[in-house]
Amino acid sequence: MANLAVFASGSGSNFQALAESVIPSDHSVCCLICDNGEALALQRASLLGIPSYHILYDGRPREEAEKEILSLLADCSADLVALAGFMKILSPRFINQFPGTIINIHPSLLPKYPGTRGIEASFHSGDRKLGITIHEIDAGVDTGPIIMQKSFLKHDNETIESVEKRIHTLEHASYPVVIMELLDKIDSKS
């Protein structure tokens, strides 16, 4: 059995897709870490019976918040971290101190359109091919090694809302597959 920790900041739809994939397996979602006390992700975790923690970043050094997170990850024996709309950049120190792998999902075809506005930037770019990227975290912003990309062709009369919906559909279908494969690989090594 391998333990997954998920970090989220918002609605938690990717968190829920991951949790619903992991719960019936031999693996465990050991916790949800959230930097936003009002995030719907916290309610989703509660409904799924997954321990969740609101980690306050505001008003204190990032290192202090990250130290608290590392302690929680150690307490729940997290083997893998999946970022699911987590809107904080993890420091290189944090990344180096976590002994497992940290995975992120991004709503554009990296290396194009990194950062917080991936959907909007790719939609307005004129690119016909849009999609998602699942990648490992490194010290940069959306620069880590790519694990998987999925794409679709944008329709001529498509709105940003319809593109966003298609992006989320790809995320919810693809991210759990990658995370389950990584959890299985971790489990086979132990």
Protein backbone atom coordinates (compact mmCIF):
# COMPACT_ATOMS: atom_id res chain seq x y z
CA MET A 1 0.00 0.00 0.00
CA ALA A 2 1.23 3.49 -0.90
CA ASN A 3 0.00 6.74 0.64
CA LEU A 4 -1.04 9.77 -1.40
CA ALA A 5 -1.24 13.32 -0.06
CA VAL A 6 -3.12 15.86 -2.16
CA PHE A 7 -2.62 19.64 -2.04
CA ALA A 8 -5.45 21.89 -3.23
CA SER A 9 -6.57 25.51 -2.94
CA GLY A 10 -9.98 25.69 -4.59
CA SER A 11 -13.03 23.69 -5.57
CA GLY A 12 -11.26 20.34 -5.30
CA SER A 13 -12.69 18.68 -8.41
CA ASN A 14 -9.28 17.14 -9.25
CA PHE A 15 -8.84 16.16 -5.60
CA GLN A 16 -12.20 14.36 -5.69
CA ALA A 17 -11.33 12.59 -8.97
CA LEU A 18 -8.08 11.38 -7.41
CA ALA A 19 -9.68 10.34 -4.13
CA GLU A 20 -12.48 8.42 -5.85
CA SER A 21 -9.86 6.56 -7.87
CA VAL A 22 -7.65 5.73 -4.88
CA ILE A 23 -10.29 4.89 -2.24
CA PRO A 24 -11.37 1.53 -3.75
CA SER A 25 -7.74 0.50 -4.36
CA ASP A 26 -5.14 -0.94 -1.99
CA HIS A 27 -3.67 2.55 -1.64
CA SER A 28 -4.71 5.40 0.64
CA VAL A 29 -5.30 9.14 0.43
CA CYS A 30 -3.62 9.96 3.72
CA CYS A 31 -4.51 13.67 3.74
CA LEU A 32 -5.58 16.81 1.95
CA ILE A 33 -3.45 19.90 2.52
CA CYS A 34 -5.16 23.19 1.73
CA ASP A 35 -3.91 26.78 2.02
CA ASN A 36 -7.43 28.25 1.71
CA GLY A 37 -9.76 27.79 4.67
CA GLU A 38 -12.79 28.53 2.46
CA ALA A 39 -11.91 25.99 -0.23
CA LEU A 40 -14.61 23.56 -1.30
CA ALA A 41 -11.87 20.92 -1.38
CA LEU A 42 -12.01 20.80 2.44
CA GLN A 43 -15.72 19.97 2.34
CA ARG A 44 -15.12 17.29 -0.29
CA ALA A 45 -12.43 15.72 1.93
CA SER A 46 -14.79 15.71 4.90
CA LEU A 47 -17.53 13.98 2.89
CA LEU A 48 -15.03 11.37 1.72
CA GLY A 49 -13.67 10.80 5.25
CA ILE A 50 -10.18 11.99 4.33
CA PRO A 51 -8.20 13.93 6.96
CA SER A 52 -7.72 17.52 5.83
CA TYR A 53 -5.58 20.35 7.09
CA HIS A 54 -5.78 24.08 6.48
CA ILE A 55 -2.23 25.40 6.46
CA LEU A 56 -2.07 29.14 6.93
CA TYR A 57 0.49 30.88 4.72
CA ASP A 58 -0.60 34.48 5.27
CA GLY A 59 1.22 36.42 7.96
CA ARG A 60 4.14 34.04 8.37
CA PRO A 61 7.19 32.95 6.42
CA ARG A 62 6.63 30.34 3.71
CA GLU A 63 9.32 28.17 5.35
CA GLU A 64 7.20 27.95 8.50
CA ALA A 65 4.13 26.79 6.56
CA GLU A 66 6.20 24.30 4.59
CA LYS A 67 7.76 22.94 7.79
CA GLU A 68 4.24 22.30 9.12
CA ILE A 69 3.29 20.53 5.87
CA LEU A 70 6.41 18.34 5.94
CA SER A 71 5.56 17.31 9.48
CA LEU A 72 2.03 16.31 8.42
CA LEU A 73 3.41 14.37 5.44
CA ALA A 74 5.79 12.50 7.75
CA ASP A 75 2.99 11.77 10.24
CA CYS A 76 0.81 10.18 7.55
CA SER A 77 3.75 8.44 5.82
CA ALA A 78 3.04 10.10 2.47
CA ASP A 79 4.86 8.44 -0.41
CA LEU A 80 3.57 10.70 -3.17
CA VAL A 81 2.13 14.23 -3.35
CA ALA A 82 -0.33 15.27 -6.05
CA LEU A 83 -0.90 18.99 -6.53
CA ALA A 84 -4.51 19.54 -7.57
CA GLY A 85 -4.98 23.24 -8.06
CA PHE A 86 -2.61 24.18 -5.24
CA MET A 87 -1.91 27.88 -5.76
CA LYS A 88 1.32 28.14 -3.78
CA ILE A 89 4.78 27.62 -5.22
CA LEU A 90 6.75 25.08 -3.23
CA SER A 91 10.29 26.12 -2.38
CA PRO A 92 13.30 24.15 -3.62
CA ARG A 93 14.06 23.42 0.05
CA PHE A 94 10.61 21.82 0.51
CA ILE A 95 10.95 19.80 -2.70
CA ASN A 96 14.38 18.53 -1.64
CA GLN A 97 13.20 17.63 1.87
CA PHE A 98 10.22 15.56 0.74
CA PRO A 99 11.60 12.09 0.05
CA GLY A 100 8.85 11.10 -2.39
CA THR A 101 7.76 12.50 -5.71
CA ILE A 102 5.58 15.58 -6.18
CA ILE A 103 3.31 15.61 -9.23
CA ASN A 104 1.35 18.51 -10.71
CA ILE A 105 -1.35 18.89 -13.33
CA HIS A 106 -1.40 21.98 -15.54
CA PRO A 107 -4.17 23.11 -17.92
CA SER A 108 -1.99 23.76 -20.96
CA LEU A 109 0.48 21.90 -23.12
CA LEU A 110 3.69 22.82 -21.38
CA PRO A 111 6.16 24.34 -21.93
CA LYS A 112 3.60 26.73 -23.40
CA TYR A 113 1.62 28.91 -20.98
CA PRO A 114 2.99 28.05 -17.53
CA GLY A 115 1.65 29.74 -14.42
CA THR A 116 -1.81 30.49 -13.10
CA ARG A 117 -3.53 31.49 -16.36
CA GLY A 118 -2.83 28.44 -18.51
CA ILE A 119 -6.36 27.99 -19.83
CA GLU A 120 -6.86 31.66 -20.70
CA ALA A 121 -3.41 32.00 -22.29
CA SER A 122 -3.80 28.91 -24.45
CA PHE A 123 -7.37 29.85 -25.44
CA HIS A 124 -6.34 33.35 -26.57
CA SER A 125 -3.11 32.20 -28.23
CA GLY A 126 -4.64 31.15 -31.51
CA ASP A 127 -3.33 27.61 -31.00
CA ARG A 128 -5.70 24.96 -32.37
CA LYS A 129 -4.30 22.22 -30.14
CA LEU A 130 -5.05 22.67 -26.42
CA GLY A 131 -4.72 20.29 -23.51
CA ILE A 132 -3.19 19.32 -20.21
CA THR A 133 0.20 18.35 -18.85
CA ILE A 134 0.97 16.10 -15.91
CA HIS A 135 4.52 16.62 -14.71
CA GLU A 136 6.96 16.21 -11.85
CA ILE A 137 7.69 19.29 -9.76
CA ASP A 138 11.12 20.85 -9.82
CA ALA A 139 12.43 24.21 -8.58
CA GLY A 140 10.88 26.12 -11.50
CA VAL A 141 7.27 27.01 -12.22
CA ASP A 142 5.73 24.29 -14.41
CA THR A 143 9.16 23.25 -15.70
CA GLY A 144 9.54 19.71 -14.31
CA PRO A 145 9.81 16.56 -16.41
CA ILE A 146 6.62 15.78 -18.32
CA ILE A 147 4.91 12.49 -17.52
CA MET A 148 1.86 12.78 -19.79
CA GLN A 149 0.12 15.23 -22.10
CA LYS A 150 -3.39 14.92 -23.49
CA SER A 151 -4.82 17.28 -26.10
CA PHE A 152 -7.81 18.15 -28.27
CA LEU A 153 -8.45 20.47 -31.20
CA LYS A 154 -10.24 23.71 -30.43
CA HIS A 155 -13.41 24.27 -32.45
CA ASP A 156 -13.79 27.48 -34.48
CA ASN A 157 -16.70 28.86 -32.48
CA GLU A 158 -15.63 27.52 -29.08
CA THR A 159 -15.93 29.67 -25.96
CA ILE A 160 -13.47 29.82 -23.12
CA GLU A 161 -16.12 28.17 -20.93
CA SER A 162 -16.42 25.18 -23.24
CA VAL A 163 -12.61 24.88 -23.48
CA GLU A 164 -12.36 25.01 -19.69
CA LYS A 165 -14.96 22.24 -19.41
CA ARG A 166 -13.04 20.08 -21.90
CA ILE A 167 -9.79 20.72 -20.02
CA HIS A 168 -11.37 19.64 -16.72
CA THR A 169 -12.81 16.51 -18.34
CA LEU A 170 -9.31 15.58 -19.56
CA GLU A 171 -7.83 16.32 -16.12
CA HIS A 172 -10.38 14.21 -14.26
CA ALA A 173 -9.87 11.27 -16.64
CA SER A 174 -6.06 11.42 -16.94
CA TYR A 175 -4.71 12.51 -13.55
CA PRO A 176 -6.10 9.52 -11.60
CA VAL A 177 -4.59 7.10 -14.14
CA VAL A 178 -1.11 8.59 -13.76
CA ILE A 179 -1.35 8.81 -9.97
CA MET A 180 -2.56 5.20 -9.66
CA GLU A 181 0.33 4.01 -11.86
CA LEU A 182 2.81 5.89 -9.65
CA LEU A 183 1.25 4.52 -6.44
CA ASP A 184 1.42 0.98 -7.88
CA LYS A 185 5.07 1.50 -8.78
CA ILE A 186 5.86 2.78 -5.25
CA ASP A 187 4.02 -0.19 -3.73
CA SER A 188 5.89 -2.70 -5.88
CA LYS A 189 9.23 -1.34 -4.63
CA SER A 190 8.35 -1.71 -0.95
